[in-house]
Amino acid sequence: MRPATVLSLAVLAAASLYAQEEPPVQVKTGTHIPLSLINSVSTKHSSEGDRVYMETVFPILVDGTIVIPPGSYVAGTLTQVKRPGRVKGKGELFLRFDSLTLPNGVTRDFRARLSGVDGRGSETLERKEGKVQGEGNVGGDARTVGETAAAGASLGAIVGAASKSVGMGLGVGAGAGAAAGLMGVLLSRGPDAVLAKGSTIEMVLDRPIEFQRSELNFGTSQPGHFSNSGPGPQQKKDASVMRRRLPF
C-alpha cells in the first residue's frame, strides 16, 4: 500500500474518531423558547386530548451556534379543558409540550412548561400549574343582576301606580327583576379562554435537550452560526418584525 494512501486513511480515521468523541450540544434546563400557534384552541371549541401545533419564532443559540432555528415545529396536547362556570369561574386550558422537530427533520421528545402568554389578549397564565385562564366575569354578572333588578323596579312602580300602591309595586318589581337577572347569569357562561392562531406563547425547558453536531446541519437557508459583526439591513428588518411578535 502506498504511503499516501496510508496517510489518507489515517487522517480519515482520526477525523471519524474526533467526530465520535465530540460532545453533544445541549440546550439547558430553564431555556425560554418563544412560539407562535399554528392552530387556534379555546375552552369553547377544543377538547381534552386535542393536538396543538406551534413553531419557534426566534433562534435558540448555544455558544453562538443556532441549535433550534426559527420555524422548528413543536407539538403539544391539551390535557385538560375547563369551560367557565355559569355563575362564576374562569375558562382554563392545560397544555403539555410533547415533541420538537427541527427544519431538517431531527426530532426530540422533551418536557417543558408554559411560561408566558400573548399580552394582547385577556388570557392570563397561572404559572404554578401552567394553565391558561380566560377573563373572569364577576363584574359582568353583578352588572347583569343589578341592571335587570333596576328594570324590574321601574316596571313594579308602574304596576304599583296602577294599583295605587307604589311602594309595594317597587318591592315586587325589584324582586322579580333580580330573579330574572340571576336566571340570565345562570344560563350564560363567562368568557372562554382562547389562544388564537398566530398568538405568541413562551415555554421554558424542564429538562435539557441534546443534539449531536451532525444533527445541526440546516443547509444554506438556515445558517448555523451568528456573525458577531451584527445583522445586515435585511436582518435588522426581520429582527424588528420578530420583536413586534413577542409582546411579553
C-alpha atoms as a PDB file:
ATOM      1  CA  MET A   1       0.000   0.000   0.000  1.00  0.00           C
ATOM      2  CA  ARG A   2       1.333   3.421  -0.941  1.00  0.00           C
ATOM      3  CA  PRO A   3       2.401   5.787   1.875  1.00  0.00           C
ATOM      4  CA  ALA A   4      -0.006   8.480   0.615  1.00  0.00           C
ATOM      5  CA  THR A   5      -2.928   6.069   0.822  1.00  0.00           C
ATOM      6  CA  VAL A   6      -1.952   5.013   4.328  1.00  0.00           C
ATOM      7  CA  LEU A   7      -1.722   8.664   5.385  1.00  0.00           C
ATOM      8  CA  SER A   8      -5.143   9.455   3.920  1.00  0.00           C
ATOM      9  CA  LEU A   9      -6.732   6.529   5.731  1.00  0.00           C
ATOM     10  CA  ALA A  10      -5.100   7.612   8.973  1.00  0.00           C
ATOM     11  CA  VAL A  11      -6.446  11.151   8.585  1.00  0.00           C
ATOM     12  CA  LEU A  12      -9.961   9.868   7.873  1.00  0.00           C
ATOM     13  CA  ALA A  13      -9.823   7.540  10.863  1.00  0.00           C
ATOM     14  CA  ALA A  14      -8.658  10.365  13.117  1.00  0.00           C
ATOM     15  CA  ALA A  15     -11.414  12.670  11.852  1.00  0.00           C
ATOM     16  CA  SER A  16     -14.024   9.973  12.409  1.00  0.00           C
ATOM     17  CA  LEU A  17     -12.748   9.335  15.924  1.00  0.00           C
ATOM     18  CA  TYR A  18     -12.815  13.066  16.677  1.00  0.00           C
ATOM     19  CA  ALA A  19     -16.401  13.336  15.431  1.00  0.00           C
ATOM     20  CA  GLN A  20     -17.433  10.432  17.633  1.00  0.00           C
ATOM     21  CA  GLU A  21     -15.769  11.944  20.697  1.00  0.00           C
ATOM     22  CA  GLU A  22     -17.106  15.468  20.095  1.00  0.00           C
ATOM     23  CA  PRO A  23     -19.541  16.270  22.916  1.00  0.00           C
ATOM     24  CA  PRO A  24     -23.213  16.870  22.088  1.00  0.00           C
ATOM     25  CA  VAL A  25     -24.709  20.345  22.047  1.00  0.00           C
ATOM     26  CA  GLN A  26     -27.053  20.855  24.985  1.00  0.00           C
ATOM     27  CA  VAL A  27     -29.925  23.315  25.300  1.00  0.00           C
ATOM     28  CA  LYS A  28     -30.032  23.752  29.051  1.00  0.00           C
ATOM     29  CA  THR A  29     -32.883  23.443  31.514  1.00  0.00           C
ATOM     30  CA  GLY A  30     -34.522  26.832  32.023  1.00  0.00           C
ATOM     31  CA  THR A  31     -34.113  27.964  28.414  1.00  0.00           C
ATOM     32  CA  HIS A  32     -37.061  30.105  27.292  1.00  0.00           C
ATOM     33  CA  ILE A  33     -38.370  29.393  23.788  1.00  0.00           C
ATOM     34  CA  PRO A  34     -40.979  31.713  22.181  1.00  0.00           C
ATOM     35  CA  LEU A  35     -43.582  30.021  19.992  1.00  0.00           C
ATOM     36  CA  SER A  36     -46.362  31.013  17.610  1.00  0.00           C
ATOM     37  CA  LEU A  37     -49.576  28.979  17.416  1.00  0.00           C
ATOM     38  CA  ILE A  38     -50.351  27.348  14.074  1.00  0.00           C
ATOM     39  CA  ASN A  39     -53.897  26.370  15.097  1.00  0.00           C
ATOM     40  CA  SER A  40     -56.362  28.000  17.486  1.00  0.00           C
ATOM     41  CA  VAL A  41     -57.531  26.396  20.727  1.00  0.00           C
ATOM     42  CA  SER A  42     -60.226  27.504  23.153  1.00  0.00           C
ATOM     43  CA  THR A  43     -62.324  26.210  26.015  1.00  0.00           C
ATOM     44  CA  LYS A  44     -65.380  26.532  23.776  1.00  0.00           C
ATOM     45  CA  HIS A  45     -64.259  24.544  20.738  1.00  0.00           C
ATOM     46  CA  SER A  46     -61.397  22.338  21.985  1.00  0.00           C
ATOM     47  CA  SER A  47     -61.462  19.117  23.995  1.00  0.00           C
ATOM     48  CA  GLU A  48     -59.086  17.161  26.176  1.00  0.00           C
ATOM     49  CA  GLY A  49     -56.604  15.278  24.012  1.00  0.00           C
ATOM     50  CA  ASP A  50     -56.705  17.752  21.103  1.00  0.00           C
ATOM     51  CA  ARG A  51     -53.348  18.398  19.479  1.00  0.00           C
ATOM     52  CA  VAL A  52     -51.767  21.848  19.489  1.00  0.00           C
ATOM     53  CA  TYR A  53     -49.273  22.809  16.787  1.00  0.00           C
ATOM     54  CA  MET A  54     -46.718  25.575  17.179  1.00  0.00           C
ATOM     55  CA  GLU A  55     -43.492  26.839  15.634  1.00  0.00           C
ATOM     56  CA  THR A  56     -40.498  28.631  17.088  1.00  0.00           C
ATOM     57  CA  VAL A  57     -40.185  32.318  16.204  1.00  0.00           C
ATOM     58  CA  PHE A  58     -36.688  33.130  17.463  1.00  0.00           C
ATOM     59  CA  PRO A  59     -33.380  31.248  17.134  1.00  0.00           C
ATOM     60  CA  ILE A  60     -32.057  29.453  20.211  1.00  0.00           C
ATOM     61  CA  LEU A  61     -28.261  29.579  20.372  1.00  0.00           C
ATOM     62  CA  VAL A  62     -25.638  27.614  22.286  1.00  0.00           C
ATOM     63  CA  ASP A  63     -22.135  29.128  22.240  1.00  0.00           C
ATOM     64  CA  GLY A  64     -23.003  31.219  19.182  1.00  0.00           C
ATOM     65  CA  THR A  65     -24.400  28.302  17.192  1.00  0.00           C
ATOM     66  CA  ILE A  66     -28.057  28.103  16.207  1.00  0.00           C
ATOM     67  CA  VAL A  67     -29.392  24.888  17.684  1.00  0.00           C
ATOM     68  CA  ILE A  68     -33.152  25.475  17.351  1.00  0.00           C
ATOM     69  CA  PRO A  69     -33.812  27.673  14.289  1.00  0.00           C
ATOM     70  CA  PRO A  70     -36.983  29.723  13.742  1.00  0.00           C
ATOM     71  CA  GLY A  71     -39.603  27.601  12.039  1.00  0.00           C
ATOM     72  CA  SER A  72     -38.917  24.486  14.108  1.00  0.00           C
ATOM     73  CA  TYR A  73     -42.157  22.672  14.907  1.00  0.00           C
ATOM     74  CA  VAL A  74     -43.445  21.958  18.404  1.00  0.00           C
ATOM     75  CA  ALA A  75     -46.373  19.613  19.016  1.00  0.00           C
ATOM     76  CA  GLY A  76     -48.401  19.610  22.211  1.00  0.00           C
ATOM     77  CA  THR A  77     -51.583  18.217  23.728  1.00  0.00           C
ATOM     78  CA  LEU A  78     -54.432  19.764  25.697  1.00  0.00           C
ATOM     79  CA  THR A  79     -54.539  17.682  28.868  1.00  0.00           C
ATOM     80  CA  GLN A  80     -57.499  19.491  30.424  1.00  0.00           C
ATOM     81  CA  VAL A  81     -60.147  21.889  29.135  1.00  0.00           C
ATOM     82  CA  LYS A  82     -62.395  23.596  31.664  1.00  0.00           C
ATOM     83  CA  ARG A  83     -65.170  25.880  30.495  1.00  0.00           C
ATOM     84  CA  PRO A  84     -66.084  28.919  32.604  1.00  0.00           C
ATOM     85  CA  GLY A  85     -68.836  28.327  35.156  1.00  0.00           C
ATOM     86  CA  ARG A  86     -72.383  29.561  34.750  1.00  0.00           C
ATOM     87  CA  VAL A  87     -72.250  31.640  37.936  1.00  0.00           C
ATOM     88  CA  LYS A  88     -68.531  32.256  38.392  1.00  0.00           C
ATOM     89  CA  GLY A  89     -65.159  30.879  37.419  1.00  0.00           C
ATOM     90  CA  LYS A  90     -62.757  31.160  34.526  1.00  0.00           C
ATOM     91  CA  GLY A  91     -62.132  29.034  31.476  1.00  0.00           C
ATOM     92  CA  GLU A  92     -58.901  27.041  31.801  1.00  0.00           C
ATOM     93  CA  LEU A  93     -56.610  25.308  29.307  1.00  0.00           C
ATOM     94  CA  PHE A  94     -53.816  22.949  30.342  1.00  0.00           C
ATOM     95  CA  LEU A  95     -51.155  22.496  27.653  1.00  0.00           C
ATOM     96  CA  ARG A  96     -48.465  19.795  27.579  1.00  0.00           C
ATOM     97  CA  PHE A  97     -45.489  20.073  25.229  1.00  0.00           C
ATOM     98  CA  ASP A  98     -44.540  16.776  23.576  1.00  0.00           C
ATOM     99  CA  SER A  99     -42.046  16.980  20.718  1.00  0.00           C
ATOM    100  CA  LEU A 100     -39.714  19.323  18.852  1.00  0.00           C
ATOM    101  CA  THR A 101     -38.899  18.875  15.145  1.00  0.00           C
ATOM    102  CA  LEU A 102     -36.058  20.865  13.589  1.00  0.00           C
ATOM    103  CA  PRO A 103     -36.315  22.063   9.950  1.00  0.00           C
ATOM    104  CA  ASN A 104     -34.036  19.198   8.851  1.00  0.00           C
ATOM    105  CA  GLY A 105     -36.388  16.601  10.359  1.00  0.00           C
ATOM    106  CA  VAL A 106     -34.432  15.823  13.542  1.00  0.00           C
ATOM    107  CA  THR A 107     -36.979  15.218  16.318  1.00  0.00           C
ATOM    108  CA  ARG A 108     -36.743  15.162  20.097  1.00  0.00           C
ATOM    109  CA  ASP A 109     -39.289  14.391  22.781  1.00  0.00           C
ATOM    110  CA  PHE A 110     -38.900  16.884  25.593  1.00  0.00           C
ATOM    111  CA  ARG A 111     -40.516  18.314  28.690  1.00  0.00           C
ATOM    112  CA  ALA A 112     -41.331  21.975  29.196  1.00  0.00           C
ATOM    113  CA  ARG A 113     -43.894  24.170  30.893  1.00  0.00           C
ATOM    114  CA  LEU A 114     -45.784  27.225  29.755  1.00  0.00           C
ATOM    115  CA  SER A 115     -44.095  30.398  30.988  1.00  0.00           C
ATOM    116  CA  GLY A 116     -45.812  33.232  29.113  1.00  0.00           C
ATOM    117  CA  VAL A 117     -48.868  34.056  27.002  1.00  0.00           C
ATOM    118  CA  ASP A 118     -49.593  36.747  24.438  1.00  0.00           C
ATOM    119  CA  GLY A 119     -50.086  40.047  26.250  1.00  0.00           C
ATOM    120  CA  ARG A 120     -52.517  41.313  23.602  1.00  0.00           C
ATOM    121  CA  GLY A 121     -55.321  39.039  24.821  1.00  0.00           C
ATOM    122  CA  SER A 122     -57.251  38.949  28.085  1.00  0.00           C
ATOM    123  CA  GLU A 123     -55.986  35.465  28.999  1.00  0.00           C
ATOM    124  CA  THR A 124     -53.650  35.077  31.960  1.00  0.00           C
ATOM    125  CA  LEU A 125     -51.179  32.369  32.931  1.00  0.00           C
ATOM    126  CA  GLU A 126     -51.247  30.571  36.270  1.00  0.00           C
ATOM    127  CA  ARG A 127     -47.527  29.807  36.338  1.00  0.00           C
ATOM    128  CA  LYS A 128     -47.508  27.294  39.172  1.00  0.00           C
ATOM    129  CA  GLU A 129     -49.878  24.926  37.371  1.00  0.00           C
ATOM    130  CA  GLY A 130     -49.065  26.024  33.822  1.00  0.00           C
ATOM    131  CA  LYS A 131     -52.668  26.709  32.853  1.00  0.00           C
ATOM    132  CA  VAL A 132     -54.140  29.460  30.704  1.00  0.00           C
ATOM    133  CA  GLN A 133     -57.150  31.205  32.221  1.00  0.00           C
ATOM    134  CA  GLY A 134     -59.802  33.258  30.495  1.00  0.00           C
ATOM    135  CA  GLU A 135     -61.003  36.569  31.837  1.00  0.00           C
ATOM    136  CA  GLY A 136     -63.368  36.274  34.797  1.00  0.00           C
ATOM    137  CA  ASN A 137     -66.888  37.687  34.594  1.00  0.00           C
ATOM    138  CA  VAL A 138     -67.719  38.500  38.221  1.00  0.00           C
ATOM    139  CA  GLY A 139     -68.253  42.211  37.492  1.00  0.00           C
ATOM    140  CA  GLY A 140     -70.340  41.389  34.450  1.00  0.00           C
ATOM    141  CA  ASP A 141     -72.524  39.036  36.484  1.00  0.00           C
ATOM    142  CA  ALA A 142     -73.157  41.678  39.150  1.00  0.00           C
ATOM    143  CA  ARG A 143     -73.957  44.243  36.486  1.00  0.00           C
ATOM    144  CA  THR A 144     -76.432  41.907  34.790  1.00  0.00           C
ATOM    145  CA  VAL A 145     -78.300  41.281  38.025  1.00  0.00           C
ATOM    146  CA  GLY A 146     -78.238  44.964  39.012  1.00  0.00           C
ATOM    147  CA  GLU A 147     -79.463  46.267  35.673  1.00  0.00           C
ATOM    148  CA  THR A 148     -82.281  43.736  35.461  1.00  0.00           C
ATOM    149  CA  ALA A 149     -83.336  44.495  39.024  1.00  0.00           C
ATOM    150  CA  ALA A 150     -83.493  48.214  38.190  1.00  0.00           C
ATOM    151  CA  ALA A 151     -85.624  47.480  35.159  1.00  0.00           C
ATOM    152  CA  GLY A 152     -87.876  45.324  37.333  1.00  0.00           C
ATOM    153  CA  ALA A 153     -88.230  48.130  39.864  1.00  0.00           C
ATOM    154  CA  SER A 154     -89.340  50.533  37.133  1.00  0.00           C
ATOM    155  CA  LEU A 155     -91.893  48.035  35.925  1.00  0.00           C
ATOM    156  CA  GLY A 156     -93.031  47.500  39.524  1.00  0.00           C
ATOM    157  CA  ALA A 157     -93.541  51.234  40.008  1.00  0.00           C
ATOM    158  CA  ILE A 158     -95.850  51.308  37.005  1.00  0.00           C
ATOM    159  CA  VAL A 159     -97.767  48.304  38.286  1.00  0.00           C
ATOM    160  CA  GLY A 160     -97.920  49.818  41.789  1.00  0.00           C
ATOM    161  CA  ALA A 161     -99.208  53.128  40.463  1.00  0.00           C
ATOM    162  CA  ALA A 162    -101.963  51.332  38.660  1.00  0.00           C
ATOM    163  CA  SER A 163    -102.900  49.556  41.882  1.00  0.00           C
ATOM    164  CA  LYS A 164    -102.433  52.759  43.995  1.00  0.00           C
ATOM    165  CA  SER A 165     -99.576  51.154  45.975  1.00  0.00           C
ATOM    166  CA  VAL A 166     -96.300  52.431  44.564  1.00  0.00           C
ATOM    167  CA  GLY A 167     -94.161  51.105  47.460  1.00  0.00           C
ATOM    168  CA  MET A 168     -95.485  47.586  47.089  1.00  0.00           C
ATOM    169  CA  GLY A 169     -95.008  47.766  43.338  1.00  0.00           C
ATOM    170  CA  LEU A 170     -91.375  48.800  43.748  1.00  0.00           C
ATOM    171  CA  GLY A 171     -90.637  45.888  46.091  1.00  0.00           C
ATOM    172  CA  VAL A 172     -92.342  43.291  43.935  1.00  0.00           C
ATOM    173  CA  GLY A 173     -90.823  44.648  40.743  1.00  0.00           C
ATOM    174  CA  ALA A 174     -87.266  44.720  42.115  1.00  0.00           C
ATOM    175  CA  GLY A 175     -87.545  41.166  43.412  1.00  0.00           C
ATOM    176  CA  ALA A 176     -88.862  39.888  40.108  1.00  0.00           C
ATOM    177  CA  GLY A 177     -86.163  41.778  38.225  1.00  0.00           C
ATOM    178  CA  ALA A 178     -83.377  40.314  40.378  1.00  0.00           C
ATOM    179  CA  ALA A 179     -84.725  36.813  39.831  1.00  0.00           C
ATOM    180  CA  ALA A 180     -84.795  37.373  36.091  1.00  0.00           C
ATOM    181  CA  GLY A 181     -81.258  38.755  36.169  1.00  0.00           C
ATOM    182  CA  LEU A 182     -79.948  35.787  38.156  1.00  0.00           C
ATOM    183  CA  MET A 183     -81.588  33.430  35.698  1.00  0.00           C
ATOM    184  CA  GLY A 184     -79.800  35.208  32.878  1.00  0.00           C
ATOM    185  CA  VAL A 185     -76.439  34.777  34.612  1.00  0.00           C
ATOM    186  CA  LEU A 186     -77.047  31.120  35.378  1.00  0.00           C
ATOM    187  CA  LEU A 187     -77.933  30.416  31.772  1.00  0.00           C
ATOM    188  CA  SER A 188     -74.935  32.232  30.276  1.00  0.00           C
ATOM    189  CA  ARG A 189     -71.259  31.450  30.561  1.00  0.00           C
ATOM    190  CA  GLY A 190     -68.341  33.756  31.228  1.00  0.00           C
ATOM    191  CA  PRO A 191     -65.667  34.494  28.616  1.00  0.00           C
ATOM    192  CA  ASP A 192     -63.881  31.425  27.253  1.00  0.00           C
ATOM    193  CA  ALA A 193     -60.107  31.083  27.318  1.00  0.00           C
ATOM    194  CA  VAL A 194     -58.782  31.426  23.776  1.00  0.00           C
ATOM    195  CA  LEU A 195     -55.309  31.028  22.283  1.00  0.00           C
ATOM    196  CA  ALA A 196     -55.809  32.246  18.729  1.00  0.00           C
ATOM    197  CA  LYS A 197     -53.836  31.181  15.676  1.00  0.00           C
ATOM    198  CA  GLY A 198     -50.773  33.393  15.361  1.00  0.00           C
ATOM    199  CA  SER A 199     -50.702  34.390  19.022  1.00  0.00           C
ATOM    200  CA  THR A 200     -47.393  34.039  20.838  1.00  0.00           C
ATOM    201  CA  ILE A 201     -46.679  31.923  23.892  1.00  0.00           C
ATOM    202  CA  GLU A 202     -43.445  31.041  25.638  1.00  0.00           C
ATOM    203  CA  MET A 203     -42.253  27.741  27.062  1.00  0.00           C
ATOM    204  CA  VAL A 204     -39.350  27.037  29.410  1.00  0.00           C
ATOM    205  CA  LEU A 205     -37.483  23.717  29.360  1.00  0.00           C
ATOM    206  CA  ASP A 206     -37.811  21.483  32.416  1.00  0.00           C
ATOM    207  CA  ARG A 207     -35.031  19.208  31.134  1.00  0.00           C
ATOM    208  CA  PRO A 208     -32.088  19.729  28.787  1.00  0.00           C
ATOM    209  CA  ILE A 209     -32.290  18.767  25.109  1.00  0.00           C
ATOM    210  CA  GLU A 210     -29.170  17.330  23.479  1.00  0.00           C
ATOM    211  CA  PHE A 211     -28.182  17.191  19.806  1.00  0.00           C
ATOM    212  CA  GLN A 212     -25.173  15.753  18.040  1.00  0.00           C
ATOM    213  CA  ARG A 213     -23.377  18.353  15.957  1.00  0.00           C
ATOM    214  CA  SER A 214     -24.054  16.278  12.867  1.00  0.00           C
ATOM    215  CA  GLU A 215     -27.784  16.816  13.510  1.00  0.00           C
ATOM    216  CA  LEU A 216     -27.463  20.608  13.311  1.00  0.00           C
ATOM    217  CA  ASN A 217     -26.890  20.916   9.574  1.00  0.00           C
ATOM    218  CA  PHE A 218     -29.742  23.108   8.300  1.00  0.00           C
ATOM    219  CA  GLY A 219     -28.395  23.888   4.823  1.00  0.00           C
ATOM    220  CA  THR A 220     -27.869  27.315   3.286  1.00  0.00           C
ATOM    221  CA  SER A 221     -31.329  28.607   4.228  1.00  0.00           C
ATOM    222  CA  GLN A 222     -30.695  28.174   7.950  1.00  0.00           C
ATOM    223  CA  PRO A 223     -27.121  29.208   8.865  1.00  0.00           C
ATOM    224  CA  GLY A 224     -25.747  27.519  11.945  1.00  0.00           C
ATOM    225  CA  HIS A 225     -23.812  30.463  13.344  1.00  0.00           C
ATOM    226  CA  PHE A 226     -24.464  34.140  14.048  1.00  0.00           C
ATOM    227  CA  SER A 227     -21.831  36.626  12.958  1.00  0.00           C
ATOM    228  CA  ASN A 228     -20.537  38.855  15.739  1.00  0.00           C
ATOM    229  CA  SER A 229     -20.370  41.776  13.308  1.00  0.00           C
ATOM    230  CA  GLY A 230     -24.106  42.358  13.719  1.00  0.00           C
ATOM    231  CA  PRO A 231     -27.067  41.906  11.384  1.00  0.00           C
ATOM    232  CA  GLY A 232     -27.235  43.429   7.929  1.00  0.00           C
ATOM    233  CA  PRO A 233     -30.073  45.683   6.724  1.00  0.00           C
ATOM    234  CA  GLN A 234     -32.413  42.811   5.861  1.00  0.00           C
ATOM    235  CA  GLN A 235     -31.645  41.042   9.141  1.00  0.00           C
ATOM    236  CA  LYS A 236     -32.400  44.233  11.050  1.00  0.00           C
ATOM    237  CA  LYS A 237     -35.772  44.443   9.322  1.00  0.00           C
ATOM    238  CA  ASP A 238     -36.519  40.837  10.201  1.00  0.00           C
ATOM    239  CA  ALA A 239     -35.457  41.435  13.790  1.00  0.00           C
ATOM    240  CA  SER A 240     -37.877  44.362  14.139  1.00  0.00           C
ATOM    241  CA  VAL A 241     -40.704  42.176  12.867  1.00  0.00           C
ATOM    242  CA  MET A 242     -39.664  39.499  15.340  1.00  0.00           C
ATOM    243  CA  ARG A 243     -39.784  41.935  18.240  1.00  0.00           C
ATOM    244  CA  ARG A 244     -43.297  43.008  17.331  1.00  0.00           C
ATOM    245  CA  ARG A 245     -44.421  39.382  17.525  1.00  0.00           C
ATOM    246  CA  LEU A 246     -43.133  38.972  21.069  1.00  0.00           C
ATOM    247  CA  PRO A 247     -45.457  41.059  23.289  1.00  0.00           C
ATOM    248  CA  PHE A 248     -44.455  39.555  26.649  1.00  0.00           C
END
